[in-house]
C-alpha atoms as a PDB file:
ATOM      1  CA  UNK A   1       1.501   8.822  11.541  1.00  0.00           C
ATOM      2  CA  UNK A   2      -0.983  11.669  11.231  1.00  0.00           C
ATOM      3  CA  UNK A   3       1.820  13.859   9.889  1.00  0.00           C
ATOM      4  CA  UNK A   4       2.319  11.499   6.937  1.00  0.00           C
ATOM      5  CA  UNK A   5      -1.390  11.271   6.170  1.00  0.00           C
ATOM      6  CA  UNK A   6      -1.599  15.056   6.178  1.00  0.00           C
ATOM      7  CA  UNK A   7       1.393  15.268   3.829  1.00  0.00           C
ATOM      8  CA  UNK A   8      -0.242  12.953   1.286  1.00  0.00           C
ATOM      9  CA  UNK A   9      -3.619  14.680   1.577  1.00  0.00           C
ATOM     10  CA  UNK A  10      -1.984  18.048   0.948  1.00  0.00           C
ATOM     11  CA  UNK A  11      -0.303  16.732  -2.204  1.00  0.00           C
ATOM     12  CA  UNK A  12      -3.643  15.509  -3.529  1.00  0.00           C
ATOM     13  CA  UNK A  13      -5.343  18.795  -2.579  1.00  0.00           C
ATOM     14  CA  UNK A  14      -2.710  20.670  -4.535  1.00  0.00           C
ATOM     15  CA  UNK A  15      -3.466  18.574  -7.619  1.00  0.00           C
ATOM     16  CA  UNK A  16      -7.190  19.107  -7.279  1.00  0.00           C
ATOM     17  CA  UNK A  17      -7.040  22.833  -6.590  1.00  0.00           C
ATOM     18  CA  UNK A  18      -4.381  24.048  -9.003  1.00  0.00           C
ATOM     19  CA  UNK A  19      -3.958  21.004 -11.219  1.00  0.00           C
ATOM     20  CA  UNK A  20      -0.245  20.743 -10.588  1.00  0.00           C
ATOM     21  CA  UNK A  21       2.159  19.437  -8.024  1.00  0.00           C
ATOM     22  CA  UNK A  22       5.582  20.668  -7.182  1.00  0.00           C
ATOM     23  CA  UNK A  23       7.812  17.662  -8.027  1.00  0.00           C
ATOM     24  CA  UNK A  24      10.187  18.628  -5.226  1.00  0.00           C
ATOM     25  CA  UNK A  25       7.349  18.295  -2.717  1.00  0.00           C
ATOM     26  CA  UNK A  26       6.504  14.846  -4.095  1.00  0.00           C
ATOM     27  CA  UNK A  27      10.123  13.731  -3.790  1.00  0.00           C
ATOM     28  CA  UNK A  28      10.381  15.174  -0.276  1.00  0.00           C
ATOM     29  CA  UNK A  29       7.237  13.325   0.794  1.00  0.00           C
ATOM     30  CA  UNK A  30       8.447  10.062  -0.749  1.00  0.00           C
ATOM     31  CA  UNK A  31      11.825  10.457   0.925  1.00  0.00           C
ATOM     32  CA  UNK A  32      10.327  11.277   4.311  1.00  0.00           C
ATOM     33  CA  UNK A  33       7.939   8.326   4.210  1.00  0.00           C
ATOM     34  CA  UNK A  34      10.729   6.010   3.012  1.00  0.00           C
ATOM     35  CA  UNK A  35      12.832   7.129   5.970  1.00  0.00           C
ATOM     36  CA  UNK A  36       9.902   6.451   8.301  1.00  0.00           C
ATOM     37  CA  UNK A  37       9.562   2.957   6.808  1.00  0.00           C
ATOM     38  CA  UNK A  38      13.270   2.306   7.389  1.00  0.00           C
ATOM     39  CA  UNK A  39      12.982   3.545  10.979  1.00  0.00           C
ATOM     40  CA  UNK A  40       9.949   1.320  11.563  1.00  0.00           C
ATOM     41  CA  UNK A  41      11.831  -1.698  10.218  1.00  0.00           C
ATOM     42  CA  UNK A  42      14.808  -0.975  12.470  1.00  0.00           C
ATOM     43  CA  UNK A  43      12.590  -0.550  15.529  1.00  0.00           C
ATOM     44  CA  UNK A  44      10.525  -3.617  14.608  1.00  0.00           C
ATOM     45  CA  UNK A  45       7.292  -1.658  14.153  1.00  0.00           C
ATOM     46  CA  UNK A  46       4.633  -2.284  11.482  1.00  0.00           C
ATOM     47  CA  UNK A  47       5.213  -0.631   8.108  1.00  0.00           C
ATOM     48  CA  UNK A  48       1.967  -1.456   6.312  1.00  0.00           C
ATOM     49  CA  UNK A  49       0.293   1.939   6.648  1.00  0.00           C
ATOM     50  CA  UNK A  50       3.462   3.797   5.668  1.00  0.00           C
ATOM     51  CA  UNK A  51       3.904   1.586   2.624  1.00  0.00           C
ATOM     52  CA  UNK A  52       0.313   2.293   1.585  1.00  0.00           C
ATOM     53  CA  UNK A  53       0.906   6.029   1.869  1.00  0.00           C
ATOM     54  CA  UNK A  54       4.064   5.746  -0.189  1.00  0.00           C
ATOM     55  CA  UNK A  55       2.188   3.813  -2.866  1.00  0.00           C
ATOM     56  CA  UNK A  56      -0.570   6.475  -2.815  1.00  0.00           C
ATOM     57  CA  UNK A  57       2.028   9.113  -3.663  1.00  0.00           C
ATOM     58  CA  UNK A  58       3.495   6.942  -6.404  1.00  0.00           C
ATOM     59  CA  UNK A  59       0.024   6.210  -7.804  1.00  0.00           C
ATOM     60  CA  UNK A  60      -0.792   9.913  -7.875  1.00  0.00           C
ATOM     61  CA  UNK A  61       2.476  10.660  -9.633  1.00  0.00           C
ATOM     62  CA  UNK A  62       1.823   7.985 -12.299  1.00  0.00           C
ATOM     63  CA  UNK A  63      -1.760   9.200 -12.781  1.00  0.00           C
ATOM     64  CA  UNK A  64      -0.615  12.796 -13.181  1.00  0.00           C
ATOM     65  CA  UNK A  65       1.896  11.772 -15.890  1.00  0.00           C
ATOM     66  CA  UNK A  66      -0.816   9.871 -17.789  1.00  0.00           C
ATOM     67  CA  UNK A  67      -3.237  12.798 -17.682  1.00  0.00           C
ATOM     68  CA  UNK A  68      -0.651  15.257 -18.932  1.00  0.00           C
END
């Protein structure tokens, strides 16, 4: 789980430091977290935290589009 938190934090750091995000990195993070959610569903594990992280990425992406 820590890996996914770090991934999201790094995306936000990139926005704050250089005011841009590589869209490929955003898509990779969304894909990786979506895969983790699917795996958690299959293995009957909780998905709440992963879903929150995924929504954090989506929220950041929407915010970035509004600012630009």
